[in-house]
Amino acid sequence: MKNTGKKEAAFIIKSMSEFVDSYAPKHLTNSVSTLKSYKMTLRKYLAFLEDVKGVKETTICKACFERCVIEEWMRYMRDQEGLTPDTCNVRLGGFRTFLKYLGSRDVEYKYLYLEAIEIPLMKTVKKKVNGLTREAVKAIMAEPDQTTVTGRRDLAFLALAYSTGARIGEILSIKVKDIHLNTEKPNITVLGKGGKIRTLYIPSKAKSHLNRYIQEAHGDHPNSEDYLFYSRNGKTKNQISAKAFENRLRFYAIRGHEKCEDVPLKLHAHQLRHARATHWLEDGINIVQISFLLGHEQLATTMKYLDITEDDMRRHLEELEDEKDDTKPKWKQSLKDIIK
């Protein structure tokens, strides 16, 4: 690869730094995990260029980001680093986003993004999310020790996660100012994927657990900027990591499995989300409404998520069309039941 000079290398490295430190958090996402993923992707690509291609940071040029090099990197991740196709595809997606930003800074680099979006994703095996029965959910909910502060906090988290079907990242990013429980329809505002704001309606039981937890953890005059669920480091209230709560879930899963075999030993938060969606479907909630409640942009995403076929989809839409003539549509009644 031809070295076009230190000036070009400096421009590219500076663009990487500005992308992860400024542009991405301001314009793309507030997700800590996504921002870490961007940083990891760029760091790994630089390591690939140096270790495999012999290109140092001072000699990087636009040719280092052309399609053939990126495709070689994809194969290297799969064959030499042993990464799964899913992980390789995630890194490709993050790298494409950076190249789009790079092209916006200098027209000479725009072709790199156009080449990158033509790179096909690696074939993956669809992973079916293991569902949770209603009995399993009850068994898990019964495990947190309500005589302890941590147990009451964990039950509030579990009740919120299951009743709303929210993503763990959405829940952990909730701040006190986002909570609106003293209204006709109690709700919490969250920042979902793509920076989209959505509303989670809170059922009465979950509201009760949350009110008790908030009073205990935040007091009568809570700071509106404090995270709902936090870890204390001295006087500072920090956001709890997803890994910390996943560990708590595994702890309750092991204990809950002893009483109910339906509880998976390797329980993770996404299974609560999937369980809520599945149980909504079983309760007669329309697939269109489930898609809305889950925060999916495309109905097709919800279909794949719940293993719904095209025939199932047509049936659900026909039911929704028939309900237009009813004075009280079934899906509206069901949705009302959700937020009681």
C-alpha atoms as a PDB file:
ATOM      1  CA  MET A   1       0.000   0.000   0.000  1.00  0.00           C
ATOM      2  CA  LYS A   2       1.406   3.361  -1.028  1.00  0.00           C
ATOM      3  CA  ASN A   3       2.115   5.877   1.711  1.00  0.00           C
ATOM      4  CA  THR A   4       0.510   9.181   0.714  1.00  0.00           C
ATOM      5  CA  GLY A   5       2.099  11.063   3.546  1.00  0.00           C
ATOM      6  CA  LYS A   6       1.785  11.792   7.221  1.00  0.00           C
ATOM      7  CA  LYS A   7      -0.826  14.470   6.560  1.00  0.00           C
ATOM      8  CA  GLU A   8      -3.368  11.949   5.266  1.00  0.00           C
ATOM      9  CA  ALA A   9      -2.587   9.514   8.078  1.00  0.00           C
ATOM     10  CA  ALA A  10      -3.060  12.256  10.658  1.00  0.00           C
ATOM     11  CA  PHE A  11      -6.413  13.217   9.090  1.00  0.00           C
ATOM     12  CA  ILE A  12      -7.694   9.632   9.238  1.00  0.00           C
ATOM     13  CA  ILE A  13      -6.546   8.989  12.808  1.00  0.00           C
ATOM     14  CA  LYS A  14      -7.994  12.318  13.941  1.00  0.00           C
ATOM     15  CA  SER A  15     -11.286  11.443  12.228  1.00  0.00           C
ATOM     16  CA  MET A  16     -11.406   8.164  14.149  1.00  0.00           C
ATOM     17  CA  SER A  17     -10.847   9.975  17.419  1.00  0.00           C
ATOM     18  CA  GLU A  18     -13.500  12.614  16.701  1.00  0.00           C
ATOM     19  CA  PHE A  19     -15.953   9.950  15.551  1.00  0.00           C
ATOM     20  CA  VAL A  20     -15.860   7.958  18.806  1.00  0.00           C
ATOM     21  CA  ASP A  21     -15.353  10.885  21.204  1.00  0.00           C
ATOM     22  CA  SER A  22     -17.669  13.487  19.735  1.00  0.00           C
ATOM     23  CA  TYR A  23     -19.737  12.633  16.670  1.00  0.00           C
ATOM     24  CA  ALA A  24     -21.124   9.224  17.698  1.00  0.00           C
ATOM     25  CA  PRO A  25     -22.264  10.209  21.233  1.00  0.00           C
ATOM     26  CA  LYS A  26     -23.782  13.480  20.000  1.00  0.00           C
ATOM     27  CA  HIS A  27     -25.444  12.355  16.794  1.00  0.00           C
ATOM     28  CA  LEU A  28     -25.750   8.558  16.732  1.00  0.00           C
ATOM     29  CA  THR A  29     -26.406   6.988  20.116  1.00  0.00           C
ATOM     30  CA  ASN A  30     -26.434   7.401  23.890  1.00  0.00           C
ATOM     31  CA  SER A  31     -25.850   3.691  24.386  1.00  0.00           C
ATOM     32  CA  VAL A  32     -22.661   3.047  26.336  1.00  0.00           C
ATOM     33  CA  SER A  33     -22.361  -0.454  24.867  1.00  0.00           C
ATOM     34  CA  THR A  34     -22.747   0.816  21.290  1.00  0.00           C
ATOM     35  CA  LEU A  35     -20.105   3.493  21.814  1.00  0.00           C
ATOM     36  CA  LYS A  36     -17.759   0.873  23.263  1.00  0.00           C
ATOM     37  CA  SER A  37     -18.459  -1.293  20.223  1.00  0.00           C
ATOM     38  CA  TYR A  38     -17.443   1.547  17.864  1.00  0.00           C
ATOM     39  CA  LYS A  39     -14.186   2.039  19.759  1.00  0.00           C
ATOM     40  CA  MET A  40     -13.471  -1.681  19.814  1.00  0.00           C
ATOM     41  CA  THR A  41     -14.118  -2.003  16.073  1.00  0.00           C
ATOM     42  CA  LEU A  42     -11.751   0.802  15.105  1.00  0.00           C
ATOM     43  CA  ARG A  43      -9.088  -0.382  17.533  1.00  0.00           C
ATOM     44  CA  LYS A  44      -9.288  -3.925  16.164  1.00  0.00           C
ATOM     45  CA  TYR A  45      -9.102  -2.687  12.582  1.00  0.00           C
ATOM     46  CA  LEU A  46      -5.975  -0.664  13.326  1.00  0.00           C
ATOM     47  CA  ALA A  47      -4.433  -3.745  14.951  1.00  0.00           C
ATOM     48  CA  PHE A  48      -5.289  -5.797  11.853  1.00  0.00           C
ATOM     49  CA  LEU A  49      -3.657  -3.242   9.574  1.00  0.00           C
ATOM     50  CA  GLU A  50      -0.468  -3.248  11.640  1.00  0.00           C
ATOM     51  CA  ASP A  51      -0.205  -6.962  12.442  1.00  0.00           C
ATOM     52  CA  VAL A  52      -1.396  -8.425   9.152  1.00  0.00           C
ATOM     53  CA  LYS A  53      -0.865  -5.719   6.533  1.00  0.00           C
ATOM     54  CA  GLY A  54       2.219  -4.094   8.035  1.00  0.00           C
ATOM     55  CA  VAL A  55       0.603  -0.649   8.040  1.00  0.00           C
ATOM     56  CA  LYS A  56       1.344   1.626  10.974  1.00  0.00           C
ATOM     57  CA  GLU A  57      -0.755   4.565  12.092  1.00  0.00           C
ATOM     58  CA  THR A  58       1.720   6.977  10.509  1.00  0.00           C
ATOM     59  CA  THR A  59       1.396   5.310   7.101  1.00  0.00           C
ATOM     60  CA  ILE A  60      -2.379   4.790   6.888  1.00  0.00           C
ATOM     61  CA  CYS A  61      -4.034   5.973   3.690  1.00  0.00           C
ATOM     62  CA  LYS A  62      -7.429   5.673   1.989  1.00  0.00           C
ATOM     63  CA  ALA A  63      -6.351   2.455   0.260  1.00  0.00           C
ATOM     64  CA  CYS A  64      -6.336   0.805   3.703  1.00  0.00           C
ATOM     65  CA  PHE A  65     -10.112   1.148   3.836  1.00  0.00           C
ATOM     66  CA  GLU A  66     -11.041  -0.159   0.415  1.00  0.00           C
ATOM     67  CA  ARG A  67     -13.378  -3.098  -0.071  1.00  0.00           C
ATOM     68  CA  CYS A  68     -10.741  -5.749  -0.650  1.00  0.00           C
ATOM     69  CA  VAL A  69      -8.988  -4.903   2.634  1.00  0.00           C
ATOM     70  CA  ILE A  70     -12.209  -4.874   4.636  1.00  0.00           C
ATOM     71  CA  GLU A  71     -13.225  -8.240   3.184  1.00  0.00           C
ATOM     72  CA  GLU A  72      -9.819  -9.640   4.137  1.00  0.00           C
ATOM     73  CA  TRP A  73     -10.377  -8.289   7.655  1.00  0.00           C
ATOM     74  CA  MET A  74     -13.752 -10.030   7.830  1.00  0.00           C
ATOM     75  CA  ARG A  75     -12.175 -13.360   6.884  1.00  0.00           C
ATOM     76  CA  TYR A  76      -9.358 -12.768   9.360  1.00  0.00           C
ATOM     77  CA  MET A  77     -11.810 -12.195  12.215  1.00  0.00           C
ATOM     78  CA  ARG A  78     -13.671 -15.376  11.351  1.00  0.00           C
ATOM     79  CA  ASP A  79     -10.788 -17.696  10.494  1.00  0.00           C
ATOM     80  CA  GLN A  80      -7.914 -16.438  12.658  1.00  0.00           C
ATOM     81  CA  GLU A  81      -9.642 -14.825  15.637  1.00  0.00           C
ATOM     82  CA  GLY A  82     -12.463 -17.362  15.747  1.00  0.00           C
ATOM     83  CA  LEU A  83     -15.238 -14.763  15.931  1.00  0.00           C
ATOM     84  CA  THR A  84     -18.787 -15.743  15.062  1.00  0.00           C
ATOM     85  CA  PRO A  85     -20.374 -14.456  11.840  1.00  0.00           C
ATOM     86  CA  ASP A  86     -22.757 -12.400  13.994  1.00  0.00           C
ATOM     87  CA  THR A  87     -19.861 -10.597  15.673  1.00  0.00           C
ATOM     88  CA  CYS A  88     -18.114 -10.036  12.339  1.00  0.00           C
ATOM     89  CA  ASN A  89     -21.295  -8.529  10.922  1.00  0.00           C
ATOM     90  CA  VAL A  90     -21.724  -6.225  13.911  1.00  0.00           C
ATOM     91  CA  ARG A  91     -18.185  -4.942  13.475  1.00  0.00           C
ATOM     92  CA  LEU A  92     -18.741  -4.442   9.759  1.00  0.00           C
ATOM     93  CA  GLY A  93     -21.838  -2.387  10.547  1.00  0.00           C
ATOM     94  CA  GLY A  94     -19.920  -0.184  12.962  1.00  0.00           C
ATOM     95  CA  PHE A  95     -17.083   0.227  10.488  1.00  0.00           C
ATOM     96  CA  ARG A  96     -19.498   1.257   7.730  1.00  0.00           C
ATOM     97  CA  THR A  97     -20.870   3.944  10.033  1.00  0.00           C
ATOM     98  CA  PHE A  98     -17.379   5.330  10.567  1.00  0.00           C
ATOM     99  CA  LEU A  99     -16.649   5.325   6.829  1.00  0.00           C
ATOM    100  CA  LYS A 100     -19.849   7.259   6.200  1.00  0.00           C
ATOM    101  CA  TYR A 101     -18.652   9.861   8.691  1.00  0.00           C
ATOM    102  CA  LEU A 102     -15.183   9.914   7.121  1.00  0.00           C
ATOM    103  CA  GLY A 103     -16.745  10.559   3.713  1.00  0.00           C
ATOM    104  CA  SER A 104     -18.735  13.451   5.133  1.00  0.00           C
ATOM    105  CA  ARG A 105     -15.486  15.119   6.201  1.00  0.00           C
ATOM    106  CA  ASP A 106     -13.755  14.850   2.827  1.00  0.00           C
ATOM    107  CA  VAL A 107     -15.347  14.028  -0.527  1.00  0.00           C
ATOM    108  CA  GLU A 108     -12.272  12.007  -1.568  1.00  0.00           C
ATOM    109  CA  TYR A 109     -13.287   9.315   0.952  1.00  0.00           C
ATOM    110  CA  LYS A 110     -16.962   8.988   0.032  1.00  0.00           C
ATOM    111  CA  TYR A 111     -16.347   6.031  -2.269  1.00  0.00           C
ATOM    112  CA  LEU A 112     -15.092   3.966   0.680  1.00  0.00           C
ATOM    113  CA  TYR A 113     -18.540   3.912   2.310  1.00  0.00           C
ATOM    114  CA  LEU A 114     -20.214   3.110  -1.008  1.00  0.00           C
ATOM    115  CA  GLU A 115     -17.861   0.155  -1.413  1.00  0.00           C
ATOM    116  CA  ALA A 116     -18.375  -0.989   2.173  1.00  0.00           C
ATOM    117  CA  ILE A 117     -22.159  -1.170   1.918  1.00  0.00           C
ATOM    118  CA  GLU A 118     -21.744  -3.549  -1.010  1.00  0.00           C
ATOM    119  CA  ILE A 119     -19.855  -6.055   1.140  1.00  0.00           C
ATOM    120  CA  PRO A 120     -22.268  -8.925   1.886  1.00  0.00           C
ATOM    121  CA  LEU A 121     -22.882  -9.948   5.462  1.00  0.00           C
ATOM    122  CA  MET A 122     -21.607 -13.332   6.554  1.00  0.00           C
ATOM    123  CA  LYS A 123     -24.207 -16.068   6.677  1.00  0.00           C
ATOM    124  CA  THR A 124     -25.449 -16.703  10.192  1.00  0.00           C
ATOM    125  CA  VAL A 125     -27.526 -19.380  11.842  1.00  0.00           C
ATOM    126  CA  LYS A 126     -30.714 -17.941  13.281  1.00  0.00           C
ATOM    127  CA  LYS A 127     -30.715 -18.290  17.041  1.00  0.00           C
ATOM    128  CA  LYS A 128     -34.098 -18.930  18.534  1.00  0.00           C
ATOM    129  CA  VAL A 129     -34.579 -17.177  21.850  1.00  0.00           C
ATOM    130  CA  ASN A 130     -35.468 -19.710  24.501  1.00  0.00           C
ATOM    131  CA  GLY A 131     -38.825 -18.703  25.876  1.00  0.00           C
ATOM    132  CA  LEU A 132     -39.915 -18.458  29.482  1.00  0.00           C
ATOM    133  CA  THR A 133     -43.169 -19.959  30.657  1.00  0.00           C
ATOM    134  CA  ARG A 134     -45.428 -17.951  32.932  1.00  0.00           C
ATOM    135  CA  GLU A 135     -44.527 -20.373  35.721  1.00  0.00           C
ATOM    136  CA  ALA A 136     -40.843 -19.661  35.154  1.00  0.00           C
ATOM    137  CA  VAL A 137     -41.433 -15.907  35.349  1.00  0.00           C
ATOM    138  CA  LYS A 138     -43.332 -16.320  38.631  1.00  0.00           C
ATOM    139  CA  ALA A 139     -40.533 -18.476  40.042  1.00  0.00           C
ATOM    140  CA  ILE A 140     -37.908 -15.863  39.148  1.00  0.00           C
ATOM    141  CA  MET A 141     -39.982 -13.032  40.614  1.00  0.00           C
ATOM    142  CA  ALA A 142     -40.276 -14.957  43.883  1.00  0.00           C
ATOM    143  CA  GLU A 143     -36.509 -15.183  44.424  1.00  0.00           C
ATOM    144  CA  PRO A 144     -35.397 -11.637  45.382  1.00  0.00           C
ATOM    145  CA  ASP A 145     -35.249 -11.367  49.177  1.00  0.00           C
ATOM    146  CA  GLN A 146     -37.751  -8.675  50.128  1.00  0.00           C
ATOM    147  CA  THR A 147     -36.182  -8.215  53.552  1.00  0.00           C
ATOM    148  CA  THR A 148     -33.108  -6.613  51.944  1.00  0.00           C
ATOM    149  CA  VAL A 149     -32.597  -3.362  50.042  1.00  0.00           C
ATOM    150  CA  THR A 150     -30.902  -5.197  47.161  1.00  0.00           C
ATOM    151  CA  GLY A 151     -33.715  -7.720  46.923  1.00  0.00           C
ATOM    152  CA  ARG A 152     -36.365  -4.989  46.751  1.00  0.00           C
ATOM    153  CA  ARG A 153     -34.347  -3.194  44.087  1.00  0.00           C
ATOM    154  CA  ASP A 154     -33.992  -6.373  42.038  1.00  0.00           C
ATOM    155  CA  LEU A 155     -37.716  -7.119  42.219  1.00  0.00           C
ATOM    156  CA  ALA A 156     -38.485  -3.596  40.988  1.00  0.00           C
ATOM    157  CA  PHE A 157     -36.125  -4.182  38.070  1.00  0.00           C
ATOM    158  CA  LEU A 158     -37.602  -7.588  37.239  1.00  0.00           C
ATOM    159  CA  ALA A 159     -41.170  -6.271  37.434  1.00  0.00           C
ATOM    160  CA  LEU A 160     -40.310  -3.348  35.167  1.00  0.00           C
ATOM    161  CA  ALA A 161     -38.391  -5.480  32.666  1.00  0.00           C
ATOM    162  CA  TYR A 162     -41.061  -8.151  32.313  1.00  0.00           C
ATOM    163  CA  SER A 163     -44.141  -5.923  32.409  1.00  0.00           C
ATOM    164  CA  THR A 164     -42.862  -3.560  29.704  1.00  0.00           C
ATOM    165  CA  GLY A 165     -40.710  -5.845  27.552  1.00  0.00           C
ATOM    166  CA  ALA A 166     -38.051  -3.132  27.521  1.00  0.00           C
ATOM    167  CA  ARG A 167     -34.443  -3.713  26.556  1.00  0.00           C
ATOM    168  CA  ILE A 168     -32.006  -3.871  29.464  1.00  0.00           C
ATOM    169  CA  GLY A 169     -30.100  -0.872  28.085  1.00  0.00           C
ATOM    170  CA  GLU A 170     -33.296   1.157  28.004  1.00  0.00           C
ATOM    171  CA  ILE A 171     -34.090   0.312  31.610  1.00  0.00           C
ATOM    172  CA  LEU A 172     -30.625   1.022  32.947  1.00  0.00           C
ATOM    173  CA  SER A 173     -30.571   4.425  31.194  1.00  0.00           C
ATOM    174  CA  ILE A 174     -33.788   5.580  32.912  1.00  0.00           C
ATOM    175  CA  LYS A 175     -33.360   8.650  35.104  1.00  0.00           C
ATOM    176  CA  VAL A 176     -35.691   9.938  37.802  1.00  0.00           C
ATOM    177  CA  LYS A 177     -36.919  12.704  35.480  1.00  0.00           C
ATOM    178  CA  ASP A 178     -38.156  10.055  33.022  1.00  0.00           C
ATOM    179  CA  ILE A 179     -40.582   8.495  35.533  1.00  0.00           C
ATOM    180  CA  HIS A 180     -44.248   9.529  35.559  1.00  0.00           C
ATOM    181  CA  LEU A 181     -46.130   7.268  37.953  1.00  0.00           C
ATOM    182  CA  ASN A 182     -48.641   9.736  39.424  1.00  0.00           C
ATOM    183  CA  THR A 183     -50.711  10.068  36.271  1.00  0.00           C
ATOM    184  CA  GLU A 184     -53.858   8.424  34.907  1.00  0.00           C
ATOM    185  CA  LYS A 185     -51.655   6.134  32.830  1.00  0.00           C
ATOM    186  CA  PRO A 186     -48.371   5.644  34.703  1.00  0.00           C
ATOM    187  CA  ASN A 187     -45.435   5.564  32.308  1.00  0.00           C
ATOM    188  CA  ILE A 188     -41.700   5.891  31.914  1.00  0.00           C
ATOM    189  CA  THR A 189     -39.933   7.561  28.992  1.00  0.00           C
ATOM    190  CA  VAL A 190     -36.916   5.736  27.575  1.00  0.00           C
ATOM    191  CA  LEU A 191     -34.410   6.366  24.842  1.00  0.00           C
ATOM    192  CA  GLY A 192     -34.538   3.368  22.531  1.00  0.00           C
ATOM    193  CA  LYS A 193     -32.424   2.216  19.616  1.00  0.00           C
ATOM    194  CA  GLY A 194     -31.426   4.902  17.157  1.00  0.00           C
ATOM    195  CA  GLY A 195     -32.034   7.591  19.762  1.00  0.00           C
ATOM    196  CA  LYS A 196     -35.809   7.216  19.437  1.00  0.00           C
ATOM    197  CA  ILE A 197     -37.886   8.171  22.456  1.00  0.00           C
ATOM    198  CA  ARG A 198     -40.636   5.751  23.439  1.00  0.00           C
ATOM    199  CA  THR A 199     -43.089   5.376  26.288  1.00  0.00           C
ATOM    200  CA  LEU A 200     -43.366   2.355  28.568  1.00  0.00           C
ATOM    201  CA  TYR A 201     -46.742   2.032  30.245  1.00  0.00           C
ATOM    202  CA  ILE A 202     -46.526   0.641  33.766  1.00  0.00           C
ATOM    203  CA  PRO A 203     -49.050  -1.901  35.124  1.00  0.00           C
ATOM    204  CA  SER A 204     -50.297  -1.496  38.696  1.00  0.00           C
ATOM    205  CA  LYS A 205     -48.157  -4.266  40.244  1.00  0.00           C
ATOM    206  CA  ALA A 206     -44.976  -2.948  38.676  1.00  0.00           C
ATOM    207  CA  LYS A 207     -45.954   0.573  39.732  1.00  0.00           C
ATOM    208  CA  SER A 208     -46.270  -0.582  43.326  1.00  0.00           C
ATOM    209  CA  HIS A 209     -42.794  -2.150  43.324  1.00  0.00           C
ATOM    210  CA  LEU A 210     -41.293   0.933  41.658  1.00  0.00           C
ATOM    211  CA  ASN A 211     -42.905   3.390  44.068  1.00  0.00           C
ATOM    212  CA  ARG A 212     -41.562   1.457  47.052  1.00  0.00           C
ATOM    213  CA  TYR A 213     -38.101   1.224  45.522  1.00  0.00           C
ATOM    214  CA  ILE A 214     -37.967   4.894  44.508  1.00  0.00           C
ATOM    215  CA  GLN A 215     -39.015   6.033  47.976  1.00  0.00           C
ATOM    216  CA  GLU A 216     -36.356   3.858  49.567  1.00  0.00           C
ATOM    217  CA  ALA A 217     -33.527   4.480  47.093  1.00  0.00           C
ATOM    218  CA  HIS A 218     -34.142   8.141  46.186  1.00  0.00           C
ATOM    219  CA  GLY A 219     -36.119   9.591  49.097  1.00  0.00           C
ATOM    220  CA  ASP A 220     -38.773  12.309  49.142  1.00  0.00           C
ATOM    221  CA  HIS A 221     -36.800  14.771  47.031  1.00  0.00           C
ATOM    222  CA  PRO A 222     -34.894  12.754  44.410  1.00  0.00           C
ATOM    223  CA  ASN A 223     -32.400  14.320  42.059  1.00  0.00           C
ATOM    224  CA  SER A 224     -34.045  14.329  38.628  1.00  0.00           C
ATOM    225  CA  GLU A 225     -30.718  13.494  36.936  1.00  0.00           C
ATOM    226  CA  ASP A 226     -30.034  10.397  39.057  1.00  0.00           C
ATOM    227  CA  TYR A 227     -30.368   7.011  37.398  1.00  0.00           C
ATOM    228  CA  LEU A 228     -33.369   4.987  38.562  1.00  0.00           C
ATOM    229  CA  PHE A 229     -31.105   1.987  39.185  1.00  0.00           C
ATOM    230  CA  TYR A 230     -27.668   3.023  40.350  1.00  0.00           C
ATOM    231  CA  SER A 231     -24.553   1.768  42.076  1.00  0.00           C
ATOM    232  CA  ARG A 232     -22.929   3.959  44.675  1.00  0.00           C
ATOM    233  CA  ASN A 233     -19.228   4.757  44.536  1.00  0.00           C
ATOM    234  CA  GLY A 234     -18.696   6.918  47.574  1.00  0.00           C
ATOM    235  CA  LYS A 235     -21.126   9.811  47.204  1.00  0.00           C
ATOM    236  CA  THR A 236     -21.503   9.317  43.450  1.00  0.00           C
ATOM    237  CA  LYS A 237     -24.476   7.442  42.012  1.00  0.00           C
ATOM    238  CA  ASN A 238     -23.292   5.683  38.874  1.00  0.00           C
ATOM    239  CA  GLN A 239     -25.270   3.835  36.240  1.00  0.00           C
ATOM    240  CA  ILE A 240     -25.317   0.101  36.910  1.00  0.00           C
ATOM    241  CA  SER A 241     -23.740  -1.957  34.156  1.00  0.00           C
ATOM    242  CA  ALA A 242     -25.770  -4.462  32.171  1.00  0.00           C
ATOM    243  CA  LYS A 243     -23.281  -7.153  33.198  1.00  0.00           C
ATOM    244  CA  ALA A 244     -23.978  -6.510  36.887  1.00  0.00           C
ATOM    245  CA  PHE A 245     -27.702  -7.086  36.438  1.00  0.00           C
ATOM    246  CA  GLU A 246     -27.138 -10.073  34.187  1.00  0.00           C
ATOM    247  CA  ASN A 247     -25.143 -11.604  37.047  1.00  0.00           C
ATOM    248  CA  ARG A 248     -28.047 -10.966  39.406  1.00  0.00           C
ATOM    249  CA  LEU A 249     -30.410 -12.696  36.969  1.00  0.00           C
ATOM    250  CA  ARG A 250     -28.144 -15.748  36.789  1.00  0.00           C
ATOM    251  CA  PHE A 251     -28.116 -15.867  40.591  1.00  0.00           C
ATOM    252  CA  TYR A 252     -31.916 -15.888  40.749  1.00  0.00           C
ATOM    253  CA  ALA A 253     -32.118 -18.365  37.860  1.00  0.00           C
ATOM    254  CA  ILE A 254     -30.026 -20.948  39.699  1.00  0.00           C
ATOM    255  CA  ARG A 255     -32.202 -20.663  42.779  1.00  0.00           C
ATOM    256  CA  GLY A 256     -35.451 -20.500  40.812  1.00  0.00           C
ATOM    257  CA  HIS A 257     -34.542 -23.576  38.770  1.00  0.00           C
ATOM    258  CA  GLU A 258     -34.538 -25.652  41.941  1.00  0.00           C
ATOM    259  CA  LYS A 259     -38.234 -24.904  42.380  1.00  0.00           C
ATOM    260  CA  CYS A 260     -39.291 -24.702  38.725  1.00  0.00           C
ATOM    261  CA  GLU A 261     -37.429 -26.615  36.006  1.00  0.00           C
ATOM    262  CA  ASP A 262     -38.766 -24.196  33.377  1.00  0.00           C
ATOM    263  CA  VAL A 263     -36.339 -21.555  34.647  1.00  0.00           C
ATOM    264  CA  PRO A 264     -33.194 -21.673  32.467  1.00  0.00           C
ATOM    265  CA  LEU A 265     -29.950 -21.772  34.408  1.00  0.00           C
ATOM    266  CA  LYS A 266     -28.314 -19.288  32.046  1.00  0.00           C
ATOM    267  CA  LEU A 267     -31.072 -16.702  32.203  1.00  0.00           C
ATOM    268  CA  HIS A 268     -30.425 -13.342  30.562  1.00  0.00           C
ATOM    269  CA  ALA A 269     -32.440 -10.130  30.446  1.00  0.00           C
ATOM    270  CA  HIS A 270     -33.434 -10.505  26.793  1.00  0.00           C
ATOM    271  CA  GLN A 271     -35.414 -13.619  27.707  1.00  0.00           C
ATOM    272  CA  LEU A 272     -37.679 -11.495  29.905  1.00  0.00           C
ATOM    273  CA  ARG A 273     -38.354  -9.222  26.918  1.00  0.00           C
ATOM    274  CA  HIS A 274     -39.051 -12.194  24.681  1.00  0.00           C
ATOM    275  CA  ALA A 275     -41.285 -13.786  27.319  1.00  0.00           C
ATOM    276  CA  ARG A 276     -43.345 -10.617  27.643  1.00  0.00           C
ATOM    277  CA  ALA A 277     -43.829 -10.433  23.876  1.00  0.00           C
ATOM    278  CA  THR A 278     -44.790 -14.106  23.681  1.00  0.00           C
ATOM    279  CA  HIS A 279     -47.270 -13.798  26.534  1.00  0.00           C
ATOM    280  CA  TRP A 280     -48.809 -10.701  24.952  1.00  0.00           C
ATOM    281  CA  LEU A 281     -49.332 -12.735  21.806  1.00  0.00           C
ATOM    282  CA  GLU A 282     -50.895 -15.569  23.800  1.00  0.00           C
ATOM    283  CA  ASP A 283     -53.204 -13.049  25.492  1.00  0.00           C
ATOM    284  CA  GLY A 284     -54.554 -11.941  22.135  1.00  0.00           C
ATOM    285  CA  ILE A 285     -52.639  -8.689  21.745  1.00  0.00           C
ATOM    286  CA  ASN A 286     -52.341  -7.885  18.050  1.00  0.00           C
ATOM    287  CA  ILE A 287     -48.934  -8.242  16.444  1.00  0.00           C
ATOM    288  CA  VAL A 288     -49.086  -4.608  15.323  1.00  0.00           C
ATOM    289  CA  GLN A 289     -49.485  -3.457  18.915  1.00  0.00           C
ATOM    290  CA  ILE A 290     -46.755  -5.802  20.143  1.00  0.00           C
ATOM    291  CA  SER A 291     -44.403  -4.304  17.581  1.00  0.00           C
ATOM    292  CA  PHE A 292     -45.242  -0.834  18.902  1.00  0.00           C
ATOM    293  CA  LEU A 293     -44.795  -1.854  22.541  1.00  0.00           C
ATOM    294  CA  LEU A 294     -41.407  -3.468  21.838  1.00  0.00           C
ATOM    295  CA  GLY A 295     -40.156  -0.415  19.986  1.00  0.00           C
ATOM    296  CA  HIS A 296     -39.530  -2.251  16.703  1.00  0.00           C
ATOM    297  CA  GLU A 297     -39.320   0.044  13.679  1.00  0.00           C
ATOM    298  CA  GLN A 298     -40.376  -2.666  11.238  1.00  0.00           C
ATOM    299  CA  LEU A 299     -43.223  -5.136  11.669  1.00  0.00           C
ATOM    300  CA  ALA A 300     -41.036  -7.745   9.979  1.00  0.00           C
ATOM    301  CA  THR A 301     -38.645  -7.525  12.949  1.00  0.00           C
ATOM    302  CA  THR A 302     -41.422  -8.495  15.340  1.00  0.00           C
ATOM    303  CA  MET A 303     -42.468 -11.352  13.063  1.00  0.00           C
ATOM    304  CA  LYS A 304     -38.961 -12.819  13.070  1.00  0.00           C
ATOM    305  CA  TYR A 305     -38.608 -12.133  16.782  1.00  0.00           C
ATOM    306  CA  LEU A 306     -41.681 -14.210  17.577  1.00  0.00           C
ATOM    307  CA  ASP A 307     -41.264 -16.726  14.722  1.00  0.00           C
ATOM    308  CA  ILE A 308     -44.456 -15.528  13.059  1.00  0.00           C
ATOM    309  CA  THR A 309     -45.079 -16.700   9.490  1.00  0.00           C
ATOM    310  CA  GLU A 310     -46.526 -14.715   6.606  1.00  0.00           C
ATOM    311  CA  ASP A 311     -49.804 -16.629   7.033  1.00  0.00           C
ATOM    312  CA  ASP A 312     -49.900 -15.700  10.715  1.00  0.00           C
ATOM    313  CA  MET A 313     -49.283 -12.094   9.745  1.00  0.00           C
ATOM    314  CA  ARG A 314     -52.138 -12.028   7.246  1.00  0.00           C
ATOM    315  CA  ARG A 315     -54.461 -13.513   9.864  1.00  0.00           C
ATOM    316  CA  HIS A 316     -53.483 -10.890  12.431  1.00  0.00           C
ATOM    317  CA  LEU A 317     -54.037  -8.070   9.934  1.00  0.00           C
ATOM    318  CA  GLU A 318     -57.398  -9.498   8.921  1.00  0.00           C
ATOM    319  CA  GLU A 319     -58.395  -9.594  12.586  1.00  0.00           C
ATOM    320  CA  LEU A 320     -57.306  -5.986  12.976  1.00  0.00           C
ATOM    321  CA  GLU A 321     -59.341  -5.011   9.894  1.00  0.00           C
ATOM    322  CA  ASP A 322     -62.434  -6.832  11.200  1.00  0.00           C
ATOM    323  CA  GLU A 323     -62.131  -5.056  14.521  1.00  0.00           C
ATOM    324  CA  LYS A 324     -62.588  -1.677  12.865  1.00  0.00           C
ATOM    325  CA  ASP A 325     -66.339  -2.316  12.837  1.00  0.00           C
ATOM    326  CA  ASP A 326     -66.479  -3.107  16.551  1.00  0.00           C
ATOM    327  CA  THR A 327     -67.393  -0.389  19.011  1.00  0.00           C
ATOM    328  CA  LYS A 328     -64.686  -1.724  21.310  1.00  0.00           C
ATOM    329  CA  PRO A 329     -61.891  -3.321  19.292  1.00  0.00           C
ATOM    330  CA  LYS A 330     -60.321  -6.338  20.943  1.00  0.00           C
ATOM    331  CA  TRP A 331     -56.786  -5.085  20.586  1.00  0.00           C
ATOM    332  CA  LYS A 332     -57.668  -1.817  22.309  1.00  0.00           C
ATOM    333  CA  GLN A 333     -59.275  -3.687  25.166  1.00  0.00           C
ATOM    334  CA  SER A 334     -56.209  -5.861  25.507  1.00  0.00           C
ATOM    335  CA  LEU A 335     -53.859  -2.869  25.434  1.00  0.00           C
ATOM    336  CA  LYS A 336     -55.923  -1.243  28.157  1.00  0.00           C
ATOM    337  CA  ASP A 337     -55.490  -4.353  30.257  1.00  0.00           C
ATOM    338  CA  ILE A 338     -51.730  -4.082  29.892  1.00  0.00           C
ATOM    339  CA  ILE A 339     -51.519  -0.663  31.533  1.00  0.00           C
ATOM    340  CA  LYS A 340     -53.949  -1.241  34.379  1.00  0.00           C
END
